[in-house]
Protein backbone atom coordinates (compact mmCIF):
# COMPACT_ATOMS: atom_id res chain seq x y z
CA UNK A 1 104.26 101.37 60.27
CA UNK A 2 102.17 102.71 57.43
CA UNK A 3 99.06 101.13 58.90
CA UNK A 4 99.25 103.54 61.86
CA UNK A 5 99.59 106.52 59.53
CA UNK A 6 96.05 105.68 58.44
CA UNK A 7 94.78 105.02 61.96
CA UNK A 8 96.22 107.99 63.88
CA UNK A 9 93.00 109.91 64.54
CA UNK A 10 90.87 106.78 64.95
CA UNK A 11 93.39 105.32 67.39
CA UNK A 12 93.41 108.49 69.45
CA UNK A 13 89.62 108.55 69.60
CA UNK A 14 89.49 104.97 70.83
CA UNK A 15 92.49 104.75 73.15
CA UNK A 16 93.51 108.18 74.49
CA UNK A 17 91.16 108.12 77.49
CA UNK A 18 92.25 104.88 79.15
CA UNK A 19 91.98 105.60 82.90
CA UNK A 20 94.49 102.89 83.77
CA UNK A 21 97.11 104.45 81.52
CA UNK A 22 96.48 107.99 82.75
CA UNK A 23 96.69 106.79 86.36
CA UNK A 24 100.08 105.17 85.76
CA UNK A 25 101.41 108.19 83.87
CA UNK A 26 100.30 110.41 86.75
CA UNK A 27 102.00 108.14 89.24
CA UNK A 28 105.27 108.21 87.31
CA UNK A 29 105.05 111.99 87.04
CA UNK A 30 104.77 112.23 90.81
CA UNK A 31 107.70 109.87 91.45
CA UNK A 32 110.27 111.67 89.32
CA UNK A 33 111.69 115.05 90.21
CA UNK A 34 110.63 118.37 88.67
CA UNK A 35 111.89 118.85 85.14
CA UNK A 36 112.81 115.19 84.69
CA UNK A 37 113.56 113.64 81.30
CA UNK A 38 111.17 110.97 80.03
CA UNK A 39 111.44 108.74 76.95
CA UNK A 40 108.06 107.68 75.54
CA UNK A 41 108.53 104.60 73.36
CA UNK A 42 105.81 104.37 70.72
CA UNK A 43 104.44 107.77 71.70
CA UNK A 44 101.62 107.66 69.14
CA UNK A 45 99.67 110.92 68.98
CA UNK A 46 101.22 112.23 72.20
CA UNK A 47 97.95 111.89 74.10
CA UNK A 48 97.72 111.20 76.95
CA UNK A 49 101.29 110.36 77.99
CA UNK A 50 103.48 113.09 76.46
CA UNK A 51 100.84 115.73 77.06
CA UNK A 52 100.38 114.85 80.74
CA UNK A 53 104.10 114.72 81.47
CA UNK A 54 104.89 117.89 79.53
CA UNK A 55 102.10 119.77 81.30
CA UNK A 56 103.58 118.54 84.59
CA UNK A 57 106.86 120.26 83.68
CA UNK A 58 108.88 117.28 82.48
CA UNK A 59 110.98 117.07 79.32
CA UNK A 60 109.55 114.40 77.03
CA UNK A 61 111.16 112.75 74.02
CA UNK A 62 108.62 110.70 72.10
CA UNK A 63 109.63 108.07 69.55
CA UNK A 64 107.31 106.50 66.99
CA UNK A 65 107.63 104.71 63.66
CA UNK A 66 104.46 106.32 62.27
CA UNK A 67 104.75 109.77 60.71
CA UNK A 68 100.96 110.04 60.82
CA UNK A 69 100.99 109.61 64.59
CA UNK A 70 103.89 112.04 64.97
CA UNK A 71 102.16 114.70 62.90
CA UNK A 72 99.30 114.73 65.40
CA UNK A 73 101.69 114.53 68.35
CA UNK A 74 103.71 117.58 67.27
CA UNK A 75 100.52 119.58 66.83
CA UNK A 76 98.94 118.50 70.10
CA UNK A 77 102.02 118.54 72.34
CA UNK A 78 104.32 121.26 70.98
CA UNK A 79 106.34 121.31 74.19
CA UNK A 80 107.71 117.79 73.64
CA UNK A 81 110.33 116.53 71.20
CA UNK A 82 109.20 113.85 68.77
CA UNK A 83 111.51 111.58 66.79
CA UNK A 84 110.64 109.37 63.82
CA UNK A 85 112.35 106.04 64.52
CA UNK A 86 111.74 102.37 65.09
CA UNK A 87 112.11 101.39 68.74
CA UNK A 88 114.38 98.47 67.86
CA UNK A 89 116.76 100.75 65.95
CA UNK A 90 117.37 103.28 68.74
CA UNK A 91 121.05 103.70 69.61
CA UNK A 92 122.41 102.24 72.83
CA UNK A 93 123.54 105.66 74.07
CA UNK A 94 120.01 107.00 74.58
CA UNK A 95 119.48 109.08 77.70
CA UNK A 96 119.98 108.85 80.49
CA UNK A 97 116.31 109.34 81.34
CA UNK A 98 114.54 109.50 84.67
CA UNK A 99 111.67 107.41 83.29
CA UNK A 100 110.67 105.46 80.20
CA UNK A 101 107.09 104.74 79.17
CA UNK A 102 105.88 102.19 76.63
CA UNK A 103 102.12 101.91 76.31
CA UNK A 104 100.95 99.28 73.81
CA UNK A 105 103.95 99.83 71.54
CA UNK A 106 106.08 96.82 72.46
CA UNK A 107 103.27 94.43 71.59
CA UNK A 108 103.91 95.24 67.90
CA UNK A 109 107.34 93.56 68.22
CA UNK A 110 108.30 89.90 68.34
CA UNK A 111 108.92 88.48 71.79
CA UNK A 112 112.65 88.40 71.05
CA UNK A 113 112.59 92.11 70.21
CA UNK A 114 110.42 92.92 73.23
CA UNK A 115 112.90 91.24 75.55
CA UNK A 116 115.89 92.83 73.80
CA UNK A 117 114.27 96.26 74.05
CA UNK A 118 113.48 95.82 77.75
CA UNK A 119 117.12 94.91 78.42
CA UNK A 120 118.30 97.98 76.51
CA UNK A 121 115.79 100.19 78.33
CA UNK A 122 117.57 99.54 81.61
CA UNK A 123 120.65 101.16 80.08
CA UNK A 124 118.68 104.23 78.95
CA UNK A 125 117.56 104.94 82.52
CA UNK A 126 119.37 106.65 85.33
CA UNK A 127 120.04 104.38 88.31
CA UNK A 128 116.70 103.87 90.04
CA UNK A 129 114.75 105.24 87.06
CA UNK A 130 111.20 104.11 86.37
CA UNK A 131 109.55 102.17 83.57
CA UNK A 132 105.81 102.33 82.98
CA UNK A 133 104.45 99.76 80.55
CA UNK A 134 101.05 98.80 79.18
CA UNK A 135 100.44 95.60 77.22
CA UNK A 136 97.48 93.58 76.01
CA UNK A 137 96.97 90.47 78.11
CA UNK A 138 97.70 87.65 75.66
CA UNK A 139 100.16 84.82 75.22
CA UNK A 140 101.63 84.73 71.74
CA UNK A 141 104.47 85.71 69.47
CA UNK A 142 103.75 87.75 66.32
CA UNK A 143 100.15 86.58 66.12
CA UNK A 144 98.09 87.91 63.17
CA UNK A 145 95.07 89.91 64.39
CA UNK A 146 92.77 92.64 63.14
CA UNK A 147 93.15 95.99 64.90
CA UNK A 148 90.73 98.83 64.12
CA UNK A 149 89.88 97.05 60.91
CA UNK A 150 93.41 96.44 59.61
CA UNK A 151 95.67 93.37 59.88
CA UNK A 152 98.66 93.58 62.23
CA UNK A 153 100.81 91.14 64.19
CA UNK A 154 101.08 91.33 67.97
CA UNK A 155 103.01 89.63 70.75
CA UNK A 156 102.35 89.48 74.45
CA UNK A 157 102.41 87.65 77.74
CA UNK A 158 99.99 86.79 80.52
CA UNK A 159 100.74 88.73 83.70
CA UNK A 160 103.23 86.23 85.23
CA UNK A 161 105.11 86.00 81.93
CA UNK A 162 105.36 89.77 81.57
CA UNK A 163 106.59 90.10 85.15
CA UNK A 164 109.22 87.44 84.45
CA UNK A 165 110.36 89.20 81.27
CA UNK A 166 110.69 92.51 83.12
CA UNK A 167 112.67 90.91 85.93
CA UNK A 168 114.91 89.04 83.45
CA UNK A 169 115.73 92.41 81.86
CA UNK A 170 116.93 93.69 85.23
CA UNK A 171 113.89 95.57 86.51
CA UNK A 172 112.23 95.34 89.89
CA UNK A 173 108.48 95.11 89.38
CA UNK A 174 106.90 97.50 91.88
CA UNK A 175 103.31 97.01 90.78
CA UNK A 176 101.57 94.96 88.09
CA UNK A 177 97.88 94.43 87.45
CA UNK A 178 95.58 92.97 84.84
CA UNK A 179 92.57 95.19 84.10
CA UNK A 180 89.73 95.54 81.62
CA UNK A 181 89.38 98.54 79.32
CA UNK A 182 86.54 99.17 76.88
CA UNK A 183 87.38 101.59 74.03
CA UNK A 184 84.69 103.97 72.80
CA UNK A 185 83.43 101.45 70.26
CA UNK A 186 84.48 98.28 72.11
CA UNK A 187 85.16 95.45 72.48
CA UNK A 188 86.57 95.17 76.00
CA UNK A 189 90.31 94.38 76.16
CA UNK A 190 92.19 92.65 78.93
CA UNK A 191 95.31 94.74 79.56
CA UNK A 192 98.33 94.63 81.85
CA UNK A 193 99.95 97.70 83.40
CA UNK A 194 103.25 97.56 85.26
CA UNK A 195 105.42 100.02 87.13
CA UNK A 196 109.06 98.96 87.38
CA UNK A 197 112.34 100.36 88.63
CA UNK A 198 115.85 100.03 87.26
CA UNK A 199 118.70 99.00 89.57
CA UNK A 200 119.93 101.80 91.82
C-alpha cells in the first residue's frame, strides 16, 4: 500500500519496540529448531521480527506490499530475504515453513481475506509448525480509521472471535492474550497476541 511507503520510518519508530511482540517472537524462535525457515507476513521494516529470528540463526522470508517498508527491511536485516507481494496473492505452494508470523498485517484485510489467509497458512507450514499473530483488539470488517495521520481500513476480532477464526482455519491455539501497548507518541492500543500450532 502506498500509504505505508510514506509511513515506513514513522511506523518503525512507533511500533518496533512492542515488548509483547518481541516476547512472542522470542518464544517462537526457541520452539523451532536451529536454522528453521520462517515466513513473516507483512514484515514491514524487518524490525523486530525478521531481525530477531535472523540473528537467532533462522532463515526468514519476509513479504510486504510496501516497497518503502521493504527498502528499510533490506537495509536493516540483510541476512533475510524480502519479497514484494500482497499477502492475499501468495501462491498456494509456499514453504513449507517451520513457523509463520503475522504481526498487525492481517488487520489491513477484510475478514473474508483474513480467514482465507489463515486457512492457507496452515498449508504453508510443516506439520506441527507454529503461527505467531498480533492483531488490534476490535470487532469490525474494513472499518475506516486514521492511522499515524492517514486514512486506512482495518478489520479485527475481539479475543474469542480471533480464537474461533484461528481454530476454524485448523490451528490449535496454544496461548492467546489481550494486552495494552502504548506507542512512543500514544495513544494506548488494546492488542491481541496468539501462539498457534498447525496439525501434526
